[in-house]
Amino acid sequence: MTERQPYRVVARHPGFELRRYPAHLVAELRVDGSFLEAGNAGFRPLAAYISGANRSRRKVGMTAPVVQESAGSEQIARTTPMVQEEGERPGCWVVRFVLPGALTAATVPEPEDPRITVREVPAQLAAAMRFSGRWSEKAFEQRATALGRAVTAAGLSPTGAIRYARFDPPWKPWFLRRNEVVLPLAE
């Protein structure tokens, strides 16, 4: 089983859940390209990082799955979701992996790829809309628009960029895939 990012449902509103996410670590990088190109291009170096392309030389026991390749690299368990959000300019995206909860700022391996940064995301309140289906820009944009309207109708105030979350591997049938749009909110 792949570890999933934890959250607590605070309330349910028409069209979305109000969630509280704990502080957590992410590995992220900025990628230029279209929505789908950026997701694919960002996935590869992040997958390499969690698969051992890091500067750590120690073995770390982790919860399932634990995959270990060469003795010289530390394996990091894959977590979900893979998150993507718009960057600071058109055609720029931030793609990130949420790292396992057992890792801390002191124990997380340093990436070998200089484009990847590891940082802590503070605890936050967010609205989330879950849906199944394909990973198309249109599908995510439709849900993002609907989420924004539902949040406004509930009298809540967004505080950040919408995040697009993908939970499943590409070989999972499209109609079974779990996707979400997530919008940070003011407390």
Protein backbone atom coordinates (compact mmCIF):
# COMPACT_ATOMS: atom_id res chain seq x y z
CA MET A 1 0.00 0.00 0.00
CA THR A 2 1.15 3.51 -0.75
CA GLU A 3 1.11 5.88 2.20
CA ARG A 4 -1.43 8.67 1.70
CA GLN A 5 -1.15 12.21 2.95
CA PRO A 6 -3.20 12.47 6.14
CA TYR A 7 -5.95 15.01 6.72
CA ARG A 8 -8.97 15.45 8.97
CA VAL A 9 -12.39 16.32 7.56
CA VAL A 10 -13.64 19.33 9.53
CA ALA A 11 -16.97 19.79 7.71
CA ARG A 12 -18.81 18.81 4.55
CA HIS A 13 -20.26 21.49 2.32
CA PRO A 14 -22.19 21.19 -0.94
CA GLY A 15 -19.53 20.31 -3.51
CA PHE A 16 -16.50 19.98 -1.22
CA GLU A 17 -14.96 18.83 2.05
CA LEU A 18 -13.34 21.24 4.46
CA ARG A 19 -10.09 19.58 5.58
CA ARG A 20 -7.29 20.26 8.00
CA TYR A 21 -3.89 19.11 6.72
CA PRO A 22 -0.98 18.73 9.16
CA ALA A 23 2.43 20.24 8.43
CA HIS A 24 4.32 17.97 6.04
CA LEU A 25 7.41 17.74 3.87
CA VAL A 26 7.35 17.88 0.08
CA ALA A 27 9.92 17.43 -2.68
CA GLU A 28 9.15 19.79 -5.54
CA LEU A 29 10.45 21.33 -8.73
CA ARG A 30 9.34 23.93 -11.26
CA VAL A 31 8.63 22.75 -14.79
CA ASP A 32 7.83 24.71 -17.96
CA GLY A 33 5.29 23.32 -20.39
CA SER A 34 1.62 22.54 -20.80
CA PHE A 35 -0.42 21.10 -17.94
CA LEU A 36 0.14 17.48 -19.01
CA GLU A 37 3.74 17.96 -20.18
CA ALA A 38 4.65 19.54 -16.84
CA GLY A 39 3.10 16.70 -14.85
CA ASN A 40 5.02 14.10 -16.84
CA ALA A 41 8.30 16.05 -16.83
CA GLY A 42 8.08 16.73 -13.09
CA PHE A 43 7.24 13.15 -12.22
CA ARG A 44 10.44 11.65 -13.61
CA PRO A 45 13.03 13.55 -11.51
CA LEU A 46 10.86 13.32 -8.39
CA ALA A 47 10.44 9.58 -8.86
CA ALA A 48 14.21 9.28 -9.30
CA TYR A 49 14.73 11.22 -6.06
CA ILE A 50 12.50 8.93 -3.99
CA SER A 51 14.02 5.91 -5.73
CA GLY A 52 17.52 6.72 -4.49
CA ALA A 53 18.87 9.68 -6.46
CA ASN A 54 19.74 11.48 -3.23
CA ARG A 55 22.91 12.17 -1.25
CA SER A 56 22.09 9.92 1.71
CA ARG A 57 24.22 6.84 2.22
CA ARG A 58 22.25 5.26 5.10
CA LYS A 59 19.47 2.69 5.04
CA VAL A 60 16.17 3.74 6.55
CA GLY A 61 13.46 1.33 7.68
CA MET A 62 10.08 2.62 6.47
CA THR A 63 6.50 1.49 6.27
CA ALA A 64 5.24 -0.29 3.18
CA PRO A 65 6.24 -0.20 0.57
CA VAL A 66 9.94 -0.16 1.20
CA VAL A 67 11.95 -0.68 -1.95
CA GLN A 68 15.72 -0.89 -1.78
CA GLU A 69 17.99 -0.92 -4.80
CA SER A 70 21.69 -0.15 -4.42
CA ALA A 71 23.37 -0.20 -1.05
CA GLY A 72 24.65 3.32 -1.64
CA SER A 73 21.26 5.03 -1.87
CA GLU A 74 18.36 5.44 0.49
CA GLN A 75 14.93 4.45 -0.76
CA ILE A 76 11.96 6.64 0.10
CA ALA A 77 8.50 5.11 0.19
CA ARG A 78 6.18 6.49 -2.47
CA THR A 79 3.33 8.56 -1.12
CA THR A 80 0.29 10.03 -2.75
CA PRO A 81 -0.82 12.35 -4.07
CA MET A 82 1.44 13.84 -6.70
CA VAL A 83 0.51 17.54 -6.61
CA GLN A 84 0.71 20.14 -9.37
CA GLU A 85 -0.08 23.85 -9.25
CA GLU A 86 0.50 26.84 -11.47
CA GLY A 87 3.83 28.60 -11.07
CA GLU A 88 4.61 32.29 -11.02
CA ARG A 89 4.27 32.78 -14.79
CA PRO A 90 2.17 31.29 -17.61
CA GLY A 91 3.34 27.86 -18.69
CA CYS A 92 5.21 27.24 -15.42
CA TRP A 93 4.07 24.57 -12.98
CA VAL A 94 5.22 23.36 -9.56
CA VAL A 95 5.09 19.58 -9.32
CA ARG A 96 5.55 17.99 -5.89
CA PHE A 97 5.51 14.70 -4.08
CA VAL A 98 4.27 14.64 -0.50
CA LEU A 99 6.96 12.79 1.46
CA PRO A 100 6.27 10.05 4.03
CA GLY A 101 5.19 11.26 7.46
CA ALA A 102 8.07 9.45 9.16
CA LEU A 103 10.59 11.82 7.55
CA THR A 104 11.56 15.06 9.27
CA ALA A 105 13.57 18.06 8.14
CA ALA A 106 16.55 16.49 9.92
CA THR A 107 16.17 13.02 8.35
CA VAL A 108 15.01 13.74 4.79
CA PRO A 109 17.70 12.93 2.20
CA GLU A 110 19.22 15.76 0.20
CA PRO A 111 18.34 15.55 -3.51
CA GLU A 112 21.16 15.05 -6.02
CA ASP A 113 19.16 16.93 -8.68
CA PRO A 114 19.63 20.68 -8.01
CA ARG A 115 16.18 21.44 -9.47
CA ILE A 116 14.47 19.58 -6.63
CA THR A 117 13.87 21.34 -3.34
CA VAL A 118 12.57 19.84 -0.13
CA ARG A 119 10.54 22.07 2.15
CA GLU A 120 7.98 21.93 4.91
CA VAL A 121 4.44 22.98 4.12
CA PRO A 122 2.76 24.41 7.23
CA ALA A 123 -0.51 23.00 8.55
CA GLN A 124 -3.45 24.43 6.67
CA LEU A 125 -7.19 24.50 6.25
CA ALA A 126 -8.31 23.67 2.70
CA ALA A 127 -11.35 22.88 0.60
CA ALA A 128 -11.11 19.71 -1.47
CA MET A 129 -13.22 18.27 -4.26
CA ARG A 130 -12.64 14.64 -5.16
CA PHE A 131 -13.42 13.13 -8.58
CA SER A 132 -12.53 10.20 -10.79
CA GLY A 133 -11.52 10.21 -14.40
CA ARG A 134 -8.77 11.21 -16.78
CA TRP A 135 -5.91 13.60 -16.03
CA SER A 136 -6.85 16.29 -18.48
CA GLU A 137 -6.41 20.00 -18.05
CA LYS A 138 -10.08 20.48 -18.90
CA ALA A 139 -11.22 18.02 -16.19
CA PHE A 140 -9.10 19.71 -13.54
CA GLU A 141 -10.09 23.24 -14.64
CA GLN A 142 -13.80 22.39 -14.52
CA ARG A 143 -13.45 21.07 -10.96
CA ALA A 144 -11.27 24.02 -9.93
CA THR A 145 -13.92 26.48 -11.15
CA ALA A 146 -16.69 24.53 -9.39
CA LEU A 147 -14.65 24.38 -6.18
CA GLY A 148 -13.95 28.12 -6.25
CA ARG A 149 -17.66 28.87 -6.67
CA ALA A 150 -18.66 26.45 -3.89
CA VAL A 151 -16.07 27.93 -1.51
CA THR A 152 -17.30 31.47 -2.23
CA ALA A 153 -20.94 30.38 -1.78
CA ALA A 154 -19.99 28.93 1.63
CA GLY A 155 -18.54 32.31 2.67
CA LEU A 156 -14.95 31.06 2.86
CA SER A 157 -11.86 32.89 1.58
CA PRO A 158 -9.11 31.26 -0.52
CA THR A 159 -5.52 32.09 0.46
CA GLY A 160 -3.43 30.37 -2.18
CA ALA A 161 -3.25 28.66 -5.54
CA ILE A 162 -5.44 25.71 -6.44
CA ARG A 163 -3.63 22.36 -6.31
CA TYR A 164 -4.28 19.47 -8.65
CA ALA A 165 -3.74 16.10 -6.96
CA ARG A 166 -3.31 12.72 -8.69
CA PHE A 167 -3.41 9.63 -6.54
CA ASP A 168 -3.04 6.73 -8.95
CA PRO A 169 -0.49 5.36 -11.42
CA PRO A 170 -1.11 5.86 -15.14
CA TRP A 171 -1.88 2.16 -15.71
CA LYS A 172 -4.95 2.29 -13.42
CA PRO A 173 -8.14 2.45 -15.51
CA TRP A 174 -9.18 6.08 -15.93
CA PHE A 175 -12.64 5.53 -14.42
CA LEU A 176 -11.09 4.22 -11.18
CA ARG A 177 -8.53 7.01 -10.72
CA ARG A 178 -8.77 9.28 -7.70
CA ASN A 179 -8.12 12.96 -8.40
CA GLU A 180 -8.69 16.10 -6.35
CA VAL A 181 -8.61 19.84 -6.61
CA VAL A 182 -7.57 21.48 -3.33
CA LEU A 183 -7.80 25.16 -2.39
CA PRO A 184 -6.10 26.60 0.73
CA LEU A 185 -8.42 28.72 2.89
CA ALA A 186 -8.15 31.48 5.47
CA GLU A 187 -8.67 30.33 9.04
